Amino acid sequence: MKELQIETEMKAAFAAFLEKGFSYRYFYEKGGDSSCVYVYRFQKGKDFFDLREVSGGEELNFVVYCGGEYAFPLLKRLYAKEFSVFRRRHFFRRATKQEKRAFFALLLNKHLAENEDFFGIKI
């Protein structure tokens, strides 16, 4: 089966996670209201983190599953300065989905490099 372009982009952007033993999976979930959520999952053992993107929506959500519990870390609070710069950069022109995914990859790679664990997931 041929790899989709988005899969290639995500693997390149999150290469540091793949090197640390995470596996990558791309899939989608259908909602009851005809919506579709695209899930970019990086998993290590039973623990994982997702970037979730609603079709037609402008939002990208970050979810962590660790130790049997879901967590929703507030990246805007952890990286307020970076979010402010990103928001100013896209004040007159809306950020594309690719730009948003690249921005999240930058933040999460930064968090991975600066911490011993990744939101509870052992590295």
N, C-alpha and C. Protein backbone atom coordinates (compact mmCIF):
# COMPACT_ATOMS: atom_id res chain seq x y z
N MET A 1 0.85 -1.18 0.00
CA MET A 1 0.00 0.00 0.00
C MET A 1 0.89 1.24 0.00
N LYS A 2 0.56 2.20 -0.83
CA LYS A 2 1.35 3.41 -0.97
C LYS A 2 1.13 4.33 0.23
N GLU A 3 2.21 4.91 0.73
CA GLU A 3 2.12 5.82 1.85
C GLU A 3 1.60 7.17 1.38
N LEU A 4 0.68 7.73 2.15
CA LEU A 4 0.12 9.04 1.83
C LEU A 4 1.15 10.14 2.11
N GLN A 5 0.99 11.27 1.45
CA GLN A 5 1.90 12.40 1.64
C GLN A 5 1.89 12.87 3.09
N ILE A 6 0.72 12.89 3.72
CA ILE A 6 0.63 13.35 5.10
C ILE A 6 1.42 12.44 6.02
N GLU A 7 1.41 11.15 5.74
CA GLU A 7 2.18 10.21 6.55
C GLU A 7 3.67 10.48 6.43
N THR A 8 4.12 10.74 5.23
CA THR A 8 5.54 11.06 5.00
C THR A 8 5.92 12.34 5.73
N GLU A 9 5.06 13.37 5.66
CA GLU A 9 5.33 14.64 6.34
C GLU A 9 5.40 14.46 7.85
N MET A 10 4.46 13.70 8.40
CA MET A 10 4.41 13.50 9.85
C MET A 10 5.62 12.70 10.33
N LYS A 11 6.01 11.69 9.59
CA LYS A 11 7.18 10.89 9.98
C LYS A 11 8.44 11.74 9.95
N ALA A 12 8.54 12.63 8.98
CA ALA A 12 9.71 13.51 8.91
C ALA A 12 9.70 14.53 10.05
N ALA A 13 8.55 15.11 10.33
CA ALA A 13 8.44 16.13 11.38
C ALA A 13 8.66 15.55 12.77
N PHE A 14 8.27 14.31 12.97
CA PHE A 14 8.37 13.67 14.28
C PHE A 14 9.44 12.57 14.29
N ALA A 15 10.49 12.73 13.50
CA ALA A 15 11.55 11.72 13.40
C ALA A 15 12.21 11.46 14.75
N ALA A 16 12.33 12.46 15.60
CA ALA A 16 12.94 12.28 16.92
C ALA A 16 12.15 11.28 17.76
N PHE A 17 10.83 11.28 17.61
CA PHE A 17 10.00 10.34 18.36
C PHE A 17 10.18 8.92 17.82
N LEU A 18 10.26 8.80 16.52
CA LEU A 18 10.46 7.48 15.91
C LEU A 18 11.81 6.91 16.34
N GLU A 19 12.82 7.76 16.46
CA GLU A 19 14.14 7.32 16.91
C GLU A 19 14.12 6.88 18.37
N LYS A 20 13.21 7.43 19.16
CA LYS A 20 13.10 7.08 20.59
C LYS A 20 12.23 5.85 20.82
N GLY A 21 11.78 5.19 19.75
CA GLY A 21 11.03 3.94 19.90
C GLY A 21 9.52 4.06 19.74
N PHE A 22 9.03 5.23 19.36
CA PHE A 22 7.60 5.38 19.11
C PHE A 22 7.27 4.81 17.74
N SER A 23 6.08 4.29 17.60
CA SER A 23 5.59 3.88 16.28
C SER A 23 4.53 4.89 15.84
N TYR A 24 4.32 4.99 14.55
CA TYR A 24 3.39 5.98 14.00
C TYR A 24 2.24 5.28 13.29
N ARG A 25 1.04 5.80 13.48
CA ARG A 25 -0.13 5.28 12.80
C ARG A 25 -1.06 6.44 12.45
N TYR A 26 -1.58 6.43 11.23
CA TYR A 26 -2.51 7.45 10.75
C TYR A 26 -3.83 6.77 10.44
N PHE A 27 -4.91 7.28 10.99
CA PHE A 27 -6.24 6.72 10.72
C PHE A 27 -7.28 7.80 10.96
N TYR A 28 -8.53 7.45 10.71
CA TYR A 28 -9.60 8.40 10.98
C TYR A 28 -10.75 7.69 11.67
N GLU A 29 -11.53 8.47 12.39
CA GLU A 29 -12.71 7.99 13.10
C GLU A 29 -13.92 8.78 12.63
N LYS A 30 -14.99 8.08 12.36
CA LYS A 30 -16.22 8.75 11.95
C LYS A 30 -17.05 9.09 13.18
N GLY A 31 -17.63 10.28 13.16
CA GLY A 31 -18.51 10.70 14.23
C GLY A 31 -19.96 10.48 13.84
N GLY A 32 -20.85 10.57 14.79
CA GLY A 32 -22.27 10.37 14.54
C GLY A 32 -22.89 11.49 13.73
N ASP A 33 -22.23 12.64 13.66
CA ASP A 33 -22.78 13.79 12.96
C ASP A 33 -22.13 13.99 11.58
N SER A 34 -21.67 12.92 10.97
CA SER A 34 -21.02 12.93 9.65
C SER A 34 -19.66 13.60 9.65
N SER A 35 -19.14 13.90 10.83
CA SER A 35 -17.80 14.48 10.88
C SER A 35 -16.77 13.36 10.88
N CYS A 36 -15.57 13.73 10.61
CA CYS A 36 -14.48 12.77 10.55
C CYS A 36 -13.29 13.38 11.29
N VAL A 37 -12.68 12.59 12.16
CA VAL A 37 -11.51 13.05 12.90
C VAL A 37 -10.31 12.28 12.40
N TYR A 38 -9.32 13.02 11.90
CA TYR A 38 -8.08 12.40 11.45
C TYR A 38 -7.13 12.33 12.64
N VAL A 39 -6.60 11.15 12.89
CA VAL A 39 -5.76 10.92 14.07
C VAL A 39 -4.35 10.57 13.63
N TYR A 40 -3.39 11.31 14.16
CA TYR A 40 -1.97 11.05 13.93
C TYR A 40 -1.43 10.54 15.27
N ARG A 41 -1.24 9.23 15.39
CA ARG A 41 -0.90 8.61 16.68
C ARG A 41 0.55 8.14 16.71
N PHE A 42 1.22 8.51 17.80
CA PHE A 42 2.57 8.05 18.09
C PHE A 42 2.50 7.24 19.37
N GLN A 43 2.85 5.96 19.27
CA GLN A 43 2.63 5.03 20.37
C GLN A 43 3.93 4.38 20.80
N LYS A 44 4.05 4.21 22.12
CA LYS A 44 5.18 3.48 22.69
C LYS A 44 4.60 2.57 23.77
N GLY A 45 4.60 1.29 23.49
CA GLY A 45 3.96 0.33 24.40
C GLY A 45 2.46 0.58 24.40
N LYS A 46 1.90 0.69 25.59
CA LYS A 46 0.46 0.96 25.70
C LYS A 46 0.15 2.45 25.75
N ASP A 47 1.18 3.24 25.91
CA ASP A 47 1.00 4.69 26.00
C ASP A 47 1.14 5.32 24.62
N PHE A 48 0.43 6.43 24.40
CA PHE A 48 0.50 7.11 23.12
C PHE A 48 0.11 8.57 23.27
N PHE A 49 0.41 9.33 22.23
CA PHE A 49 -0.13 10.68 22.12
C PHE A 49 -0.66 10.85 20.71
N ASP A 50 -1.72 11.64 20.62
CA ASP A 50 -2.40 11.88 19.35
C ASP A 50 -2.42 13.36 19.03
N LEU A 51 -2.34 13.65 17.75
CA LEU A 51 -2.75 14.94 17.23
C LEU A 51 -4.04 14.63 16.48
N ARG A 52 -5.11 15.30 16.83
CA ARG A 52 -6.42 15.04 16.23
C ARG A 52 -6.91 16.27 15.49
N GLU A 53 -7.35 16.02 14.27
CA GLU A 53 -7.77 17.11 13.38
C GLU A 53 -9.17 16.80 12.85
N VAL A 54 -10.12 17.68 13.12
CA VAL A 54 -11.49 17.49 12.65
C VAL A 54 -11.57 17.94 11.21
N SER A 55 -12.19 17.11 10.37
CA SER A 55 -12.32 17.48 8.95
C SER A 55 -13.16 18.74 8.84
N GLY A 56 -12.69 19.65 8.03
CA GLY A 56 -13.40 20.91 7.84
C GLY A 56 -13.17 21.90 8.97
N GLY A 57 -12.55 21.46 10.04
CA GLY A 57 -12.29 22.34 11.18
C GLY A 57 -10.92 22.97 11.09
N GLU A 58 -10.72 23.96 11.89
CA GLU A 58 -9.45 24.66 11.90
C GLU A 58 -8.62 24.29 13.12
N GLU A 59 -9.11 23.37 13.92
CA GLU A 59 -8.48 23.08 15.19
C GLU A 59 -7.67 21.79 15.15
N LEU A 60 -6.55 21.81 15.84
CA LEU A 60 -5.69 20.65 16.00
C LEU A 60 -5.56 20.42 17.50
N ASN A 61 -5.95 19.23 17.96
CA ASN A 61 -5.95 18.93 19.39
C ASN A 61 -4.86 17.94 19.73
N PHE A 62 -4.33 18.06 20.95
CA PHE A 62 -3.26 17.21 21.43
C PHE A 62 -3.78 16.41 22.62
N VAL A 63 -3.67 15.07 22.55
CA VAL A 63 -4.17 14.18 23.58
C VAL A 63 -3.06 13.20 23.95
N VAL A 64 -2.91 12.94 25.25
CA VAL A 64 -1.94 11.96 25.73
C VAL A 64 -2.67 10.87 26.50
N TYR A 65 -2.33 9.62 26.23
CA TYR A 65 -2.86 8.48 26.99
C TYR A 65 -1.68 7.81 27.66
N CYS A 66 -1.65 7.85 28.99
CA CYS A 66 -0.52 7.29 29.73
C CYS A 66 -1.03 6.67 31.02
N GLY A 67 -0.61 5.44 31.27
CA GLY A 67 -0.99 4.76 32.51
C GLY A 67 -2.48 4.54 32.66
N GLY A 68 -3.18 4.36 31.55
CA GLY A 68 -4.61 4.10 31.60
C GLY A 68 -5.48 5.33 31.70
N GLU A 69 -4.89 6.51 31.62
CA GLU A 69 -5.67 7.74 31.73
C GLU A 69 -5.36 8.69 30.59
N TYR A 70 -6.38 9.42 30.17
CA TYR A 70 -6.21 10.44 29.14
C TYR A 70 -5.86 11.77 29.80
N ALA A 71 -4.99 12.51 29.14
CA ALA A 71 -4.63 13.86 29.59
C ALA A 71 -4.67 14.78 28.38
N PHE A 72 -4.98 16.03 28.65
CA PHE A 72 -5.06 17.04 27.60
C PHE A 72 -4.16 18.21 27.99
N PRO A 73 -2.83 18.05 27.82
CA PRO A 73 -1.90 19.11 28.22
C PRO A 73 -2.17 20.41 27.48
N LEU A 74 -2.10 21.50 28.19
CA LEU A 74 -2.34 22.81 27.60
C LEU A 74 -1.03 23.37 27.04
N LEU A 75 -0.79 23.09 25.78
CA LEU A 75 0.43 23.56 25.14
C LEU A 75 0.47 25.08 25.07
N LYS A 76 -0.70 25.71 24.96
CA LYS A 76 -0.74 27.18 24.90
C LYS A 76 -0.20 27.79 26.18
N ARG A 77 -0.39 27.11 27.29
CA ARG A 77 0.13 27.62 28.55
C ARG A 77 1.62 27.32 28.71
N LEU A 78 2.02 26.11 28.30
CA LEU A 78 3.42 25.72 28.42
C LEU A 78 4.32 26.53 27.50
N TYR A 79 3.82 26.85 26.31
CA TYR A 79 4.61 27.54 25.30
C TYR A 79 3.89 28.80 24.83
N ALA A 80 3.55 29.65 25.79
CA ALA A 80 2.79 30.87 25.50
C ALA A 80 3.53 31.79 24.53
N LYS A 81 4.85 31.91 24.71
CA LYS A 81 5.63 32.79 23.85
C LYS A 81 5.59 32.31 22.40
N GLU A 82 5.77 31.00 22.18
CA GLU A 82 5.75 30.44 20.83
C GLU A 82 4.38 30.59 20.18
N PHE A 83 3.31 30.40 20.96
CA PHE A 83 1.96 30.56 20.42
C PHE A 83 1.71 32.01 20.04
N SER A 84 2.22 32.94 20.84
CA SER A 84 2.04 34.35 20.55
C SER A 84 2.73 34.73 19.23
N VAL A 85 3.95 34.25 19.05
CA VAL A 85 4.69 34.52 17.81
C VAL A 85 3.96 33.91 16.62
N PHE A 86 3.48 32.67 16.78
CA PHE A 86 2.76 32.00 15.69
C PHE A 86 1.48 32.76 15.33
N ARG A 87 0.76 33.22 16.35
CA ARG A 87 -0.50 33.96 16.13
C ARG A 87 -0.23 35.28 15.41
N ARG A 88 0.84 35.98 15.82
CA ARG A 88 1.19 37.24 15.15
C ARG A 88 1.62 37.02 13.71
N ARG A 89 2.35 35.94 13.49
CA ARG A 89 2.82 35.63 12.13
C ARG A 89 1.65 35.35 11.19
N HIS A 90 0.57 34.84 11.75
CA HIS A 90 -0.59 34.49 10.92
C HIS A 90 -1.79 35.39 11.22
N PHE A 91 -1.51 36.62 11.56
CA PHE A 91 -2.58 37.57 11.88
C PHE A 91 -3.38 37.93 10.63
N PHE A 92 -2.72 38.20 9.53
CA PHE A 92 -3.41 38.63 8.31
C PHE A 92 -3.69 37.47 7.35
N ARG A 93 -3.01 36.36 7.57
CA ARG A 93 -3.21 35.20 6.71
C ARG A 93 -3.37 33.98 7.60
N ARG A 94 -4.48 33.30 7.42
CA ARG A 94 -4.77 32.13 8.23
C ARG A 94 -3.74 31.03 8.00
N ALA A 95 -3.31 30.39 9.07
CA ALA A 95 -2.34 29.30 8.96
C ALA A 95 -2.97 28.09 8.29
N THR A 96 -2.23 27.45 7.44
CA THR A 96 -2.72 26.23 6.78
C THR A 96 -2.61 25.06 7.75
N LYS A 97 -3.25 23.97 7.40
CA LYS A 97 -3.17 22.77 8.23
C LYS A 97 -1.73 22.26 8.32
N GLN A 98 -1.00 22.36 7.22
CA GLN A 98 0.40 21.92 7.22
C GLN A 98 1.24 22.78 8.17
N GLU A 99 0.99 24.09 8.16
CA GLU A 99 1.73 24.99 9.04
C GLU A 99 1.41 24.71 10.51
N LYS A 100 0.16 24.41 10.80
CA LYS A 100 -0.23 24.09 12.17
C LYS A 100 0.42 22.79 12.63
N ARG A 101 0.40 21.78 11.77
CA ARG A 101 1.04 20.51 12.13
C ARG A 101 2.54 20.69 12.34
N ALA A 102 3.18 21.48 11.50
CA ALA A 102 4.61 21.74 11.64
C ALA A 102 4.90 22.50 12.94
N PHE A 103 4.04 23.43 13.31
CA PHE A 103 4.19 24.18 14.55
C PHE A 103 4.08 23.25 15.76
N PHE A 104 3.08 22.38 15.76
CA PHE A 104 2.93 21.42 16.85
C PHE A 104 4.13 20.48 16.91
N ALA A 105 4.63 20.07 15.77
CA ALA A 105 5.81 19.20 15.74
C ALA A 105 7.01 19.92 16.37
N LEU A 106 7.18 21.19 16.07
CA LEU A 106 8.26 21.98 16.65
C LEU A 106 8.14 22.02 18.18
N LEU A 107 6.94 22.30 18.68
CA LEU A 107 6.73 22.37 20.13
C LEU A 107 6.96 21.02 20.80
N LEU A 108 6.42 19.96 20.22
CA LEU A 108 6.54 18.65 20.85
C LEU A 108 7.96 18.12 20.79
N ASN A 109 8.67 18.39 19.71
CA ASN A 109 10.09 18.02 19.64
C ASN A 109 10.90 18.79 20.68
N LYS A 110 10.56 20.05 20.89
CA LYS A 110 11.22 20.87 21.90
C LYS A 110 10.97 20.29 23.28
N HIS A 111 9.72 19.90 23.56
CA HIS A 111 9.36 19.32 24.85
C HIS A 111 10.10 18.00 25.07
N LEU A 112 10.21 17.20 24.03
CA LEU A 112 10.91 15.92 24.12
C LEU A 112 12.39 16.13 24.46
N ALA A 113 13.01 17.12 23.85
CA ALA A 113 14.44 17.38 24.07
C ALA A 113 14.71 17.95 25.46
N GLU A 114 13.76 18.67 26.03
CA GLU A 114 13.98 19.36 27.30
C GLU A 114 13.58 18.56 28.53
N ASN A 115 12.86 17.44 28.37
CA ASN A 115 12.33 16.72 29.52
C ASN A 115 12.75 15.25 29.50
N GLU A 116 12.76 14.66 30.71
CA GLU A 116 13.13 13.25 30.84
C GLU A 116 12.03 12.31 30.38
N ASP A 117 10.79 12.73 30.55
CA ASP A 117 9.66 11.95 30.05
C ASP A 117 8.79 12.87 29.19
N PHE A 118 7.88 12.26 28.46
CA PHE A 118 7.03 13.04 27.56
C PHE A 118 5.60 12.99 28.08
N PHE A 119 5.24 13.96 28.91
CA PHE A 119 3.92 14.03 29.52
C PHE A 119 3.55 12.71 30.21
N GLY A 120 4.51 12.12 30.89
CA GLY A 120 4.29 10.87 31.61
C GLY A 120 4.74 9.62 30.87
N ILE A 121 4.92 9.70 29.58
CA ILE A 121 5.37 8.54 28.80
C ILE A 121 6.88 8.41 28.97
N LYS A 122 7.33 7.24 29.41
CA LYS A 122 8.76 7.01 29.62
C LYS A 122 9.48 6.95 28.29
N ILE A 123 10.59 7.65 28.18
CA ILE A 123 11.36 7.69 26.93
C ILE A 123 12.44 6.64 26.96
